[in-house]
Amino acid sequence: MWRPLSHYGDLATEARRTLDTVGLLHLAQHPVSEIAYGGKSAASSSRLALAQKPRVLLLDEPLGGPLRYGRPVKSLIASIPRETTVIMIEHDMDTALDLAETVTLLNYGRGHR
C-alpha cells in the first residue's frame, strides 16, 4: 500500500505539467509551509483548479485577499472558458457585476434576480 513516490512517475509528471500550465512550476520543490502567501493566494488556487478543466467551479469571495492580488484574480476569473460554470460568492458588487452573466442577490436569506 505504501510505495515511494518514485513508483508514481506518471502522477508526478502530470503534477509538474499542471504546475507549469498555471505558472507555478518554480514552486514544485518547495514544501507548502515555505511558500509565501502570494504563492498560495486565490489566484494560485484558482489556476490549479482550472488546470483540471472542471465543469463547475465554486468560488467563495475570491477577491477577499490582499488588494494587490485582486487584479490577477479578477483577470483569471474573466478568462475562465464558458464551458465552465462559475458560481461565485462575492460582496464587491462592482466586481460581481463586471464578471457575471446572471446575478442572484441574497437579502436577509431571500434570493432576488
PDB file of N, CA and C in Angstrom:
ATOM      1  N   MET A   1       0.806  -1.183   0.000  1.00  0.00           N
ATOM      2  CA  MET A   1       0.000   0.000   0.000  1.00  0.00           C
ATOM      3  C   MET A   1       0.862   1.265   0.000  1.00  0.00           C
ATOM      4  N   TRP A   2       1.897   1.299   0.782  1.00  0.00           N
ATOM      5  CA  TRP A   2       2.762   2.472   0.846  1.00  0.00           C
ATOM      6  C   TRP A   2       3.965   2.242  -0.043  1.00  0.00           C
ATOM      7  N   ARG A   3       4.023   2.991  -1.116  1.00  0.00           N
ATOM      8  CA  ARG A   3       5.156   2.882  -2.029  1.00  0.00           C
ATOM      9  C   ARG A   3       5.818   4.246  -2.156  1.00  0.00           C
ATOM     10  N   PRO A   4       7.111   4.261  -2.475  1.00  0.00           N
ATOM     11  CA  PRO A   4       7.797   5.543  -2.668  1.00  0.00           C
ATOM     12  C   PRO A   4       7.162   6.321  -3.826  1.00  0.00           C
ATOM     13  N   LEU A   5       7.234   7.639  -3.758  1.00  0.00           N
ATOM     14  CA  LEU A   5       6.682   8.499  -4.803  1.00  0.00           C
ATOM     15  C   LEU A   5       7.257   8.160  -6.173  1.00  0.00           C
ATOM     16  N   SER A   6       8.475   7.653  -6.203  1.00  0.00           N
ATOM     17  CA  SER A   6       9.100   7.311  -7.484  1.00  0.00           C
ATOM     18  C   SER A   6       8.315   6.249  -8.250  1.00  0.00           C
ATOM     19  N   HIS A   7       7.480   5.479  -7.565  1.00  0.00           N
ATOM     20  CA  HIS A   7       6.642   4.476  -8.235  1.00  0.00           C
ATOM     21  C   HIS A   7       5.444   5.096  -8.953  1.00  0.00           C
ATOM     22  N   TYR A   8       5.245   6.366  -8.718  1.00  0.00           N
ATOM     23  CA  TYR A   8       4.102   7.068  -9.318  1.00  0.00           C
ATOM     24  C   TYR A   8       4.586   8.140 -10.289  1.00  0.00           C
ATOM     25  N   GLY A   9       5.495   7.776 -11.162  1.00  0.00           N
ATOM     26  CA  GLY A   9       6.090   8.722 -12.098  1.00  0.00           C
ATOM     27  C   GLY A   9       5.074   9.450 -12.951  1.00  0.00           C
ATOM     28  N   ASP A  10       4.019   8.746 -13.376  1.00  0.00           N
ATOM     29  CA  ASP A  10       3.003   9.385 -14.212  1.00  0.00           C
ATOM     30  C   ASP A  10       2.265  10.481 -13.454  1.00  0.00           C
ATOM     31  N   LEU A  11       2.040  10.289 -12.156  1.00  0.00           N
ATOM     32  CA  LEU A  11       1.373  11.322 -11.362  1.00  0.00           C
ATOM     33  C   LEU A  11       2.275  12.529 -11.157  1.00  0.00           C
ATOM     34  N   ALA A  12       3.545  12.277 -10.910  1.00  0.00           N
ATOM     35  CA  ALA A  12       4.493  13.378 -10.736  1.00  0.00           C
ATOM     36  C   ALA A  12       4.626  14.174 -12.028  1.00  0.00           C
ATOM     37  N   THR A  13       4.662  13.485 -13.154  1.00  0.00           N
ATOM     38  CA  THR A  13       4.749  14.160 -14.453  1.00  0.00           C
ATOM     39  C   THR A  13       3.514  15.020 -14.681  1.00  0.00           C
ATOM     40  N   GLU A  14       2.340  14.482 -14.390  1.00  0.00           N
ATOM     41  CA  GLU A  14       1.089  15.237 -14.565  1.00  0.00           C
ATOM     42  C   GLU A  14       1.042  16.432 -13.616  1.00  0.00           C
ATOM     43  N   ALA A  15       1.498  16.258 -12.389  1.00  0.00           N
ATOM     44  CA  ALA A  15       1.512  17.359 -11.430  1.00  0.00           C
ATOM     45  C   ALA A  15       2.427  18.477 -11.916  1.00  0.00           C
ATOM     46  N   ARG A  16       3.597  18.122 -12.432  1.00  0.00           N
ATOM     47  CA  ARG A  16       4.521  19.136 -12.956  1.00  0.00           C
ATOM     48  C   ARG A  16       3.936  19.826 -14.187  1.00  0.00           C
ATOM     49  N   ARG A  17       3.258  19.071 -15.041  1.00  0.00           N
ATOM     50  CA  ARG A  17       2.630  19.664 -16.225  1.00  0.00           C
ATOM     51  C   ARG A  17       1.567  20.683 -15.801  1.00  0.00           C
ATOM     52  N   THR A  18       0.782  20.306 -14.801  1.00  0.00           N
ATOM     53  CA  THR A  18      -0.257  21.202 -14.305  1.00  0.00           C
ATOM     54  C   THR A  18       0.360  22.453 -13.691  1.00  0.00           C
ATOM     55  N   LEU A  19       1.379  22.285 -12.868  1.00  0.00           N
ATOM     56  CA  LEU A  19       2.056  23.448 -12.277  1.00  0.00           C
ATOM     57  C   LEU A  19       2.638  24.354 -13.354  1.00  0.00           C
ATOM     58  N   ASP A  20       3.217  23.752 -14.394  1.00  0.00           N
ATOM     59  CA  ASP A  20       3.773  24.545 -15.491  1.00  0.00           C
ATOM     60  C   ASP A  20       2.668  25.304 -16.232  1.00  0.00           C
ATOM     61  N   THR A  21       1.547  24.637 -16.447  1.00  0.00           N
ATOM     62  CA  THR A  21       0.419  25.257 -17.151  1.00  0.00           C
ATOM     63  C   THR A  21      -0.063  26.510 -16.439  1.00  0.00           C
ATOM     64  N   VAL A  22      -0.067  26.479 -15.119  1.00  0.00           N
ATOM     65  CA  VAL A  22      -0.593  27.611 -14.357  1.00  0.00           C
ATOM     66  C   VAL A  22       0.515  28.542 -13.844  1.00  0.00           C
ATOM     67  N   GLY A  23       1.739  28.349 -14.323  1.00  0.00           N
ATOM     68  CA  GLY A  23       2.828  29.252 -13.969  1.00  0.00           C
ATOM     69  C   GLY A  23       3.391  29.076 -12.578  1.00  0.00           C
ATOM     70  N   LEU A  24       3.269  27.891 -12.010  1.00  0.00           N
ATOM     71  CA  LEU A  24       3.751  27.648 -10.651  1.00  0.00           C
ATOM     72  C   LEU A  24       4.819  26.562 -10.573  1.00  0.00           C
ATOM     73  N   LEU A  25       5.388  26.177 -11.697  1.00  0.00           N
ATOM     74  CA  LEU A  25       6.385  25.104 -11.689  1.00  0.00           C
ATOM     75  C   LEU A  25       7.568  25.436 -10.786  1.00  0.00           C
ATOM     76  N   HIS A  26       7.905  26.710 -10.697  1.00  0.00           N
ATOM     77  CA  HIS A  26       9.046  27.109  -9.855  1.00  0.00           C
ATOM     78  C   HIS A  26       8.831  26.799  -8.373  1.00  0.00           C
ATOM     79  N   LEU A  27       7.594  26.492  -7.974  1.00  0.00           N
ATOM     80  CA  LEU A  27       7.302  26.164  -6.574  1.00  0.00           C
ATOM     81  C   LEU A  27       7.261  24.666  -6.300  1.00  0.00           C
ATOM     82  N   ALA A  28       7.483  23.852  -7.322  1.00  0.00           N
ATOM     83  CA  ALA A  28       7.298  22.402  -7.206  1.00  0.00           C
ATOM     84  C   ALA A  28       8.175  21.756  -6.141  1.00  0.00           C
ATOM     85  N   GLN A  29       9.368  22.233  -5.930  1.00  0.00           N
ATOM     86  CA  GLN A  29      10.280  21.595  -4.984  1.00  0.00           C
ATOM     87  C   GLN A  29      10.190  22.158  -3.565  1.00  0.00           C
ATOM     88  N   HIS A  30       9.277  23.103  -3.347  1.00  0.00           N
ATOM     89  CA  HIS A  30       9.165  23.737  -2.037  1.00  0.00           C
ATOM     90  C   HIS A  30       8.002  23.156  -1.237  1.00  0.00           C
ATOM     91  N   PRO A  31       8.216  22.868   0.036  1.00  0.00           N
ATOM     92  CA  PRO A  31       7.084  22.482   0.884  1.00  0.00           C
ATOM     93  C   PRO A  31       6.104  23.656   0.976  1.00  0.00           C
ATOM     94  N   VAL A  32       4.826  23.367   1.071  1.00  0.00           N
ATOM     95  CA  VAL A  32       3.810  24.418   1.127  1.00  0.00           C
ATOM     96  C   VAL A  32       4.095  25.388   2.263  1.00  0.00           C
ATOM     97  N   SER A  33       4.617  24.895   3.380  1.00  0.00           N
ATOM     98  CA  SER A  33       4.884  25.755   4.540  1.00  0.00           C
ATOM     99  C   SER A  33       5.927  26.830   4.229  1.00  0.00           C
ATOM    100  N   GLU A  34       6.731  26.641   3.185  1.00  0.00           N
ATOM    101  CA  GLU A  34       7.765  27.613   2.822  1.00  0.00           C
ATOM    102  C   GLU A  34       7.316  28.601   1.752  1.00  0.00           C
ATOM    103  N   ILE A  35       6.135  28.412   1.206  1.00  0.00           N
ATOM    104  CA  ILE A  35       5.673  29.267   0.115  1.00  0.00           C
ATOM    105  C   ILE A  35       4.986  30.494   0.697  1.00  0.00           C
ATOM    106  N   ALA A  36       5.368  31.679   0.199  1.00  0.00           N
ATOM    107  CA  ALA A  36       4.792  32.933   0.670  1.00  0.00           C
ATOM    108  C   ALA A  36       3.301  32.981   0.351  1.00  0.00           C
ATOM    109  N   TYR A  37       2.596  33.870   1.025  1.00  0.00           N
ATOM    110  CA  TYR A  37       1.151  33.975   0.839  1.00  0.00           C
ATOM    111  C   TYR A  37       0.771  34.119  -0.629  1.00  0.00           C
ATOM    112  N   GLY A  38       1.491  34.935  -1.372  1.00  0.00           N
ATOM    113  CA  GLY A  38       1.169  35.153  -2.783  1.00  0.00           C
ATOM    114  C   GLY A  38       1.155  33.864  -3.578  1.00  0.00           C
ATOM    115  N   GLY A  39       2.036  32.946  -3.256  1.00  0.00           N
ATOM    116  CA  GLY A  39       2.079  31.659  -3.941  1.00  0.00           C
ATOM    117  C   GLY A  39       0.906  30.775  -3.594  1.00  0.00           C
ATOM    118  N   LYS A  40       0.284  31.049  -2.455  1.00  0.00           N
ATOM    119  CA  LYS A  40      -0.874  30.265  -2.025  1.00  0.00           C
ATOM    120  C   LYS A  40      -2.166  31.060  -2.192  1.00  0.00           C
ATOM    121  N   SER A  41      -2.098  32.174  -2.889  1.00  0.00           N
ATOM    122  CA  SER A  41      -3.243  33.072  -2.999  1.00  0.00           C
ATOM    123  C   SER A  41      -4.383  32.445  -3.778  1.00  0.00           C
ATOM    124  N   ALA A  42      -5.490  33.152  -3.818  1.00  0.00           N
ATOM    125  CA  ALA A  42      -6.654  32.683  -4.572  1.00  0.00           C
ATOM    126  C   ALA A  42      -6.311  32.489  -6.037  1.00  0.00           C
ATOM    127  N   ALA A  43      -5.445  33.339  -6.578  1.00  0.00           N
ATOM    128  CA  ALA A  43      -5.065  33.184  -7.988  1.00  0.00           C
ATOM    129  C   ALA A  43      -4.383  31.846  -8.208  1.00  0.00           C
ATOM    130  N   SER A  44      -3.455  31.495  -7.340  1.00  0.00           N
ATOM    131  CA  SER A  44      -2.750  30.228  -7.486  1.00  0.00           C
ATOM    132  C   SER A  44      -3.712  29.060  -7.343  1.00  0.00           C
ATOM    133  N   SER A  45      -4.560  29.120  -6.339  1.00  0.00           N
ATOM    134  CA  SER A  45      -5.518  28.040  -6.121  1.00  0.00           C
ATOM    135  C   SER A  45      -6.470  27.908  -7.295  1.00  0.00           C
ATOM    136  N   SER A  46      -6.956  29.038  -7.789  1.00  0.00           N
ATOM    137  CA  SER A  46      -7.888  29.008  -8.913  1.00  0.00           C
ATOM    138  C   SER A  46      -7.228  28.473 -10.169  1.00  0.00           C
ATOM    139  N   ARG A  47      -5.975  28.878 -10.418  1.00  0.00           N
ATOM    140  CA  ARG A  47      -5.274  28.375 -11.605  1.00  0.00           C
ATOM    141  C   ARG A  47      -5.110  26.870 -11.527  1.00  0.00           C
ATOM    142  N   LEU A  48      -4.781  26.368 -10.348  1.00  0.00           N
ATOM    143  CA  LEU A  48      -4.648  24.922 -10.201  1.00  0.00           C
ATOM    144  C   LEU A  48      -5.987  24.230 -10.423  1.00  0.00           C
ATOM    145  N   ALA A  49      -7.051  24.806  -9.893  1.00  0.00           N
ATOM    146  CA  ALA A  49      -8.379  24.218 -10.095  1.00  0.00           C
ATOM    147  C   ALA A  49      -8.744  24.231 -11.571  1.00  0.00           C
ATOM    148  N   LEU A  50      -8.460  25.323 -12.267  1.00  0.00           N
ATOM    149  CA  LEU A  50      -8.794  25.419 -13.686  1.00  0.00           C
ATOM    150  C   LEU A  50      -7.987  24.455 -14.538  1.00  0.00           C
ATOM    151  N   ALA A  51      -6.787  24.140 -14.112  1.00  0.00           N
ATOM    152  CA  ALA A  51      -5.952  23.213 -14.868  1.00  0.00           C
ATOM    153  C   ALA A  51      -6.595  21.832 -14.951  1.00  0.00           C
ATOM    154  N   GLN A  52      -7.512  21.541 -14.027  1.00  0.00           N
ATOM    155  CA  GLN A  52      -8.197  20.248 -14.025  1.00  0.00           C
ATOM    156  C   GLN A  52      -9.423  20.246 -14.936  1.00  0.00           C
ATOM    157  N   LYS A  53      -9.715  21.383 -15.585  1.00  0.00           N
ATOM    158  CA  LYS A  53     -10.834  21.532 -16.527  1.00  0.00           C
ATOM    159  C   LYS A  53     -12.171  21.127 -15.899  1.00  0.00           C
ATOM    160  N   PRO A  54     -12.551  21.800 -14.797  1.00  0.00           N
ATOM    161  CA  PRO A  54     -13.810  21.443 -14.141  1.00  0.00           C
ATOM    162  C   PRO A  54     -15.017  21.886 -14.954  1.00  0.00           C
ATOM    163  N   ARG A  55     -16.140  21.233 -14.753  1.00  0.00           N
ATOM    164  CA  ARG A  55     -17.396  21.660 -15.377  1.00  0.00           C
ATOM    165  C   ARG A  55     -18.053  22.749 -14.549  1.00  0.00           C
ATOM    166  N   VAL A  56     -17.850  22.705 -13.220  1.00  0.00           N
ATOM    167  CA  VAL A  56     -18.388  23.707 -12.310  1.00  0.00           C
ATOM    168  C   VAL A  56     -17.276  24.129 -11.367  1.00  0.00           C
ATOM    169  N   LEU A  57     -17.160  25.428 -11.136  1.00  0.00           N
ATOM    170  CA  LEU A  57     -16.148  25.958 -10.224  1.00  0.00           C
ATOM    171  C   LEU A  57     -16.858  26.848  -9.213  1.00  0.00           C
ATOM    172  N   LEU A  58     -16.708  26.528  -7.925  1.00  0.00           N
ATOM    173  CA  LEU A  58     -17.311  27.318  -6.857  1.00  0.00           C
ATOM    174  C   LEU A  58     -16.242  28.224  -6.258  1.00  0.00           C
ATOM    175  N   LEU A  59     -16.506  29.523  -6.238  1.00  0.00           N
ATOM    176  CA  LEU A  59     -15.555  30.489  -5.705  1.00  0.00           C
ATOM    177  C   LEU A  59     -16.210  31.261  -4.567  1.00  0.00           C
ATOM    178  N   ASP A  60     -15.622  31.191  -3.394  1.00  0.00           N
ATOM    179  CA  ASP A  60     -16.146  31.892  -2.227  1.00  0.00           C
ATOM    180  C   ASP A  60     -15.262  33.097  -1.959  1.00  0.00           C
ATOM    181  N   GLU A  61     -15.749  34.261  -2.315  1.00  0.00           N
ATOM    182  CA  GLU A  61     -15.036  35.527  -2.148  1.00  0.00           C
ATOM    183  C   GLU A  61     -13.596  35.448  -2.672  1.00  0.00           C
ATOM    184  N   PRO A  62     -13.431  35.176  -3.952  1.00  0.00           N
ATOM    185  CA  PRO A  62     -12.081  35.032  -4.498  1.00  0.00           C
ATOM    186  C   PRO A  62     -11.249  36.303  -4.438  1.00  0.00           C
ATOM    187  N   LEU A  63     -11.888  37.435  -4.288  1.00  0.00           N
ATOM    188  CA  LEU A  63     -11.156  38.697  -4.204  1.00  0.00           C
ATOM    189  C   LEU A  63     -11.026  39.178  -2.771  1.00  0.00           C
ATOM    190  N   GLY A  64     -11.236  38.290  -1.817  1.00  0.00           N
ATOM    191  CA  GLY A  64     -11.215  38.674  -0.416  1.00  0.00           C
ATOM    192  C   GLY A  64      -9.829  38.801   0.190  1.00  0.00           C
ATOM    193  N   GLY A  65      -8.773  38.458  -0.537  1.00  0.00           N
ATOM    194  CA  GLY A  65      -7.411  38.535  -0.005  1.00  0.00           C
ATOM    195  C   GLY A  65      -6.854  39.945  -0.089  1.00  0.00           C
ATOM    196  N   PRO A  66      -5.541  40.084   0.088  1.00  0.00           N
ATOM    197  CA  PRO A  66      -4.905  41.395  -0.012  1.00  0.00           C
ATOM    198  C   PRO A  66      -5.200  42.060  -1.358  1.00  0.00           C
ATOM    199  N   LEU A  67      -5.343  43.368  -1.344  1.00  0.00           N
ATOM    200  CA  LEU A  67      -5.712  44.116  -2.553  1.00  0.00           C
ATOM    201  C   LEU A  67      -4.768  43.872  -3.726  1.00  0.00           C
ATOM    202  N   ARG A  68      -3.487  43.660  -3.468  1.00  0.00           N
ATOM    203  CA  ARG A  68      -2.536  43.506  -4.575  1.00  0.00           C
ATOM    204  C   ARG A  68      -2.790  42.234  -5.397  1.00  0.00           C
ATOM    205  N   TYR A  69      -3.594  41.294  -4.864  1.00  0.00           N
ATOM    206  CA  TYR A  69      -3.902  40.078  -5.606  1.00  0.00           C
ATOM    207  C   TYR A  69      -5.238  40.175  -6.344  1.00  0.00           C
ATOM    208  N   GLY A  70      -5.978  41.255  -6.115  1.00  0.00           N
ATOM    209  CA  GLY A  70      -7.299  41.399  -6.706  1.00  0.00           C
ATOM    210  C   GLY A  70      -7.305  41.414  -8.218  1.00  0.00           C
ATOM    211  N   ARG A  71      -6.439  42.212  -8.829  1.00  0.00           N
ATOM    212  CA  ARG A  71      -6.438  42.326 -10.293  1.00  0.00           C
ATOM    213  C   ARG A  71      -6.101  41.009 -10.976  1.00  0.00           C
ATOM    214  N   PRO A  72      -5.049  40.282 -10.548  1.00  0.00           N
ATOM    215  CA  PRO A  72      -4.776  38.991 -11.196  1.00  0.00           C
ATOM    216  C   PRO A  72      -5.917  37.993 -11.028  1.00  0.00           C
ATOM    217  N   VAL A  73      -6.557  37.994  -9.872  1.00  0.00           N
ATOM    218  CA  VAL A  73      -7.655  37.050  -9.638  1.00  0.00           C
ATOM    219  C   VAL A  73      -8.842  37.422 -10.525  1.00  0.00           C
ATOM    220  N   LYS A  74      -9.152  38.711 -10.617  1.00  0.00           N
ATOM    221  CA  LYS A  74     -10.271  39.144 -11.455  1.00  0.00           C
ATOM    222  C   LYS A  74     -10.005  38.804 -12.924  1.00  0.00           C
ATOM    223  N   SER A  75      -8.785  39.022 -13.384  1.00  0.00           N
ATOM    224  CA  SER A  75      -8.425  38.671 -14.768  1.00  0.00           C
ATOM    225  C   SER A  75      -8.539  37.172 -14.996  1.00  0.00           C
ATOM    226  N   LEU A  76      -8.107  36.411 -14.013  1.00  0.00           N
ATOM    227  CA  LEU A  76      -8.187  34.962 -14.123  1.00  0.00           C
ATOM    228  C   LEU A  76      -9.638  34.509 -14.212  1.00  0.00           C
ATOM    229  N   ILE A  77     -10.493  35.046 -13.374  1.00  0.00           N
ATOM    230  CA  ILE A  77     -11.911  34.669 -13.407  1.00  0.00           C
ATOM    231  C   ILE A  77     -12.514  35.040 -14.753  1.00  0.00           C
ATOM    232  N   ALA A  78     -12.177  36.217 -15.266  1.00  0.00           N
ATOM    233  CA  ALA A  78     -12.713  36.655 -16.561  1.00  0.00           C
ATOM    234  C   ALA A  78     -12.258  35.749 -17.701  1.00  0.00           C
ATOM    235  N   SER A  79     -11.128  35.084 -17.533  1.00  0.00           N
ATOM    236  CA  SER A  79     -10.584  34.234 -18.603  1.00  0.00           C
ATOM    237  C   SER A  79     -11.093  32.793 -18.562  1.00  0.00           C
ATOM    238  N   ILE A  80     -11.916  32.462 -17.578  1.00  0.00           N
ATOM    239  CA  ILE A  80     -12.423  31.085 -17.461  1.00  0.00           C
ATOM    240  C   ILE A  80     -13.273  30.767 -18.688  1.00  0.00           C
ATOM    241  N   PRO A  81     -13.012  29.638 -19.339  1.00  0.00           N
ATOM    242  CA  PRO A  81     -13.796  29.283 -20.533  1.00  0.00           C
ATOM    243  C   PRO A  81     -15.284  29.155 -20.214  1.00  0.00           C
ATOM    244  N   ARG A  82     -16.104  29.496 -21.182  1.00  0.00           N
ATOM    245  CA  ARG A  82     -17.556  29.462 -20.995  1.00  0.00           C
ATOM    246  C   ARG A  82     -18.074  28.051 -20.747  1.00  0.00           C
ATOM    247  N   GLU A  83     -17.295  27.027 -21.059  1.00  0.00           N
ATOM    248  CA  GLU A  83     -17.715  25.647 -20.796  1.00  0.00           C
ATOM    249  C   GLU A  83     -17.743  25.356 -19.294  1.00  0.00           C
ATOM    250  N   THR A  84     -17.087  26.203 -18.501  1.00  0.00           N
ATOM    251  CA  THR A  84     -17.055  26.031 -17.055  1.00  0.00           C
ATOM    252  C   THR A  84     -18.077  26.959 -16.425  1.00  0.00           C
ATOM    253  N   THR A  85     -19.003  26.386 -15.675  1.00  0.00           N
ATOM    254  CA  THR A  85     -19.974  27.186 -14.934  1.00  0.00           C
ATOM    255  C   THR A  85     -19.309  27.658 -13.655  1.00  0.00           C
ATOM    256  N   VAL A  86     -19.341  28.954 -13.407  1.00  0.00           N
ATOM    257  CA  VAL A  86     -18.733  29.521 -12.209  1.00  0.00           C
ATOM    258  C   VAL A  86     -19.847  30.022 -11.297  1.00  0.00           C
ATOM    259  N   ILE A  87     -19.836  29.529 -10.073  1.00  0.00           N
ATOM    260  CA  ILE A  87     -20.746  30.023  -9.045  1.00  0.00           C
ATOM    261  C   ILE A  87     -19.858  30.746  -8.041  1.00  0.00           C
ATOM    262  N   MET A  88     -20.083  32.048  -7.917  1.00  0.00           N
ATOM    263  CA  MET A  88     -19.178  32.875  -7.121  1.00  0.00           C
ATOM    264  C   MET A  88     -19.957  33.646  -6.057  1.00  0.00           C
ATOM    265  N   ILE A  89     -19.469  33.582  -4.842  1.00  0.00           N
ATOM    266  CA  ILE A  89     -19.983  34.414  -3.763  1.00  0.00           C
ATOM    267  C   ILE A  89     -19.037  35.600  -3.681  1.00  0.00           C
ATOM    268  N   GLU A  90     -19.575  36.799  -3.816  1.00  0.00           N
ATOM    269  CA  GLU A  90     -18.725  37.996  -3.798  1.00  0.00           C
ATOM    270  C   GLU A  90     -19.506  39.152  -3.198  1.00  0.00           C
ATOM    271  N   HIS A  91     -18.893  39.869  -2.273  1.00  0.00           N
ATOM    272  CA  HIS A  91     -19.537  41.018  -1.652  1.00  0.00           C
ATOM    273  C   HIS A  91     -19.264  42.312  -2.408  1.00  0.00           C
ATOM    274  N   ASP A  92     -18.250  42.342  -3.226  1.00  0.00           N
ATOM    275  CA  ASP A  92     -17.930  43.528  -4.030  1.00  0.00           C
ATOM    276  C   ASP A  92     -18.845  43.524  -5.261  1.00  0.00           C
ATOM    277  N   MET A  93     -19.902  44.306  -5.209  1.00  0.00           N
ATOM    278  CA  MET A  93     -20.903  44.288  -6.273  1.00  0.00           C
ATOM    279  C   MET A  93     -20.347  44.763  -7.618  1.00  0.00           C
ATOM    280  N   ASP A  94     -19.418  45.705  -7.626  1.00  0.00           N
ATOM    281  CA  ASP A  94     -18.828  46.144  -8.895  1.00  0.00           C
ATOM    282  C   ASP A  94     -18.140  44.974  -9.587  1.00  0.00           C
ATOM    283  N   THR A  95     -17.383  44.210  -8.822  1.00  0.00           N
ATOM    284  CA  THR A  95     -16.707  43.036  -9.377  1.00  0.00           C
ATOM    285  C   THR A  95     -17.715  42.000  -9.842  1.00  0.00           C
ATOM    286  N   ALA A  96     -18.699  41.721  -9.015  1.00  0.00           N
ATOM    287  CA  ALA A  96     -19.707  40.725  -9.366  1.00  0.00           C
ATOM    288  C   ALA A  96     -20.414  41.111 -10.660  1.00  0.00           C
ATOM    289  N   LEU A  97     -20.795  42.366 -10.795  1.00  0.00           N
ATOM    290  CA  LEU A  97     -21.496  42.815 -11.992  1.00  0.00           C
ATOM    291  C   LEU A  97     -20.589  42.836 -13.220  1.00  0.00           C
ATOM    292  N   ASP A  98     -19.299  43.097 -13.024  1.00  0.00           N
ATOM    293  CA  ASP A  98     -18.337  43.063 -14.136  1.00  0.00           C
ATOM    294  C   ASP A  98     -18.185  41.657 -14.702  1.00  0.00           C
ATOM    295  N   LEU A  99     -18.241  40.656 -13.842  1.00  0.00           N
ATOM    296  CA  LEU A  99     -17.917  39.288 -14.250  1.00  0.00           C
ATOM    297  C   LEU A  99     -19.118  38.411 -14.574  1.00  0.00           C
ATOM    298  N   ALA A 100     -20.283  38.741 -14.054  1.00  0.00           N
ATOM    299  CA  ALA A 100     -21.405  37.811 -14.103  1.00  0.00           C
ATOM    300  C   ALA A 100     -22.321  38.013 -15.304  1.00  0.00           C
ATOM    301  N   GLU A 101     -22.883  36.897 -15.761  1.00  0.00           N
ATOM    302  CA  GLU A 101     -23.979  36.924 -16.730  1.00  0.00           C
ATOM    303  C   GLU A 101     -25.299  36.987 -15.992  1.00  0.00           C
ATOM    304  N   THR A 102     -25.398  36.230 -14.913  1.00  0.00           N
ATOM    305  CA  THR A 102     -26.607  36.180 -14.093  1.00  0.00           C
ATOM    306  C   THR A 102     -26.213  36.482 -12.661  1.00  0.00           C
ATOM    307  N   VAL A 103     -26.963  37.341 -12.015  1.00  0.00           N
ATOM    308  CA  VAL A 103     -26.687  37.705 -10.626  1.00  0.00           C
ATOM    309  C   VAL A 103     -27.918  37.363  -9.793  1.00  0.00           C
ATOM    310  N   THR A 104     -27.690  36.683  -8.700  1.00  0.00           N
ATOM    311  CA  THR A 104     -28.736  36.456  -7.711  1.00  0.00           C
ATOM    312  C   THR A 104     -28.273  37.125  -6.433  1.00  0.00           C
ATOM    313  N   LEU A 105     -29.076  38.018  -5.930  1.00  0.00           N
ATOM    314  CA  LEU A 105     -28.745  38.766  -4.728  1.00  0.00           C
ATOM    315  C   LEU A 105     -29.486  38.153  -3.552  1.00  0.00           C
ATOM    316  N   LEU A 106     -28.778  37.878  -2.486  1.00  0.00           N
ATOM    317  CA  LEU A 106     -29.422  37.407  -1.258  1.00  0.00           C
ATOM    318  C   LEU A 106     -29.547  38.576  -0.306  1.00  0.00           C
ATOM    319  N   ASN A 107     -30.749  38.812   0.130  1.00  0.00           N
ATOM    320  CA  ASN A 107     -31.015  39.882   1.084  1.00  0.00           C
ATOM    321  C   ASN A 107     -31.779  39.271   2.241  1.00  0.00           C
ATOM    322  N   TYR A 108     -31.107  39.145   3.382  1.00  0.00           N
ATOM    323  CA  TYR A 108     -31.693  38.510   4.552  1.00  0.00           C
ATOM    324  C   TYR A 108     -32.218  37.118   4.217  1.00  0.00           C
ATOM    325  N   GLY A 109     -31.432  36.364   3.460  1.00  0.00           N
ATOM    326  CA  GLY A 109     -31.744  34.976   3.161  1.00  0.00           C
ATOM    327  C   GLY A 109     -32.706  34.747   2.025  1.00  0.00           C
ATOM    328  N   ARG A 110     -33.164  35.793   1.354  1.00  0.00           N
ATOM    329  CA  ARG A 110     -34.081  35.646   0.226  1.00  0.00           C
ATOM    330  C   ARG A 110     -33.377  36.036  -1.052  1.00  0.00           C
ATOM    331  N   GLY A 111     -33.507  35.176  -2.057  1.00  0.00           N
ATOM    332  CA  GLY A 111     -32.853  35.414  -3.337  1.00  0.00           C
ATOM    333  C   GLY A 111     -33.679  36.326  -4.241  1.00  0.00           C
ATOM    334  N   HIS A 112     -32.967  37.198  -4.960  1.00  0.00           N
ATOM    335  CA  HIS A 112     -33.587  38.121  -5.924  1.00  0.00           C
ATOM    336  C   HIS A 112     -32.726  38.135  -7.170  1.00  0.00           C
ATOM    337  N   ARG A 113     -33.340  38.021  -8.331  1.00  0.00           N
ATOM    338  CA  ARG A 113     -32.597  38.093  -9.591  1.00  0.00           C
ATOM    339  C   ARG A 113     -32.709  39.468 -10.194  1.00  0.00           C
TER     340      ARG A 113
END
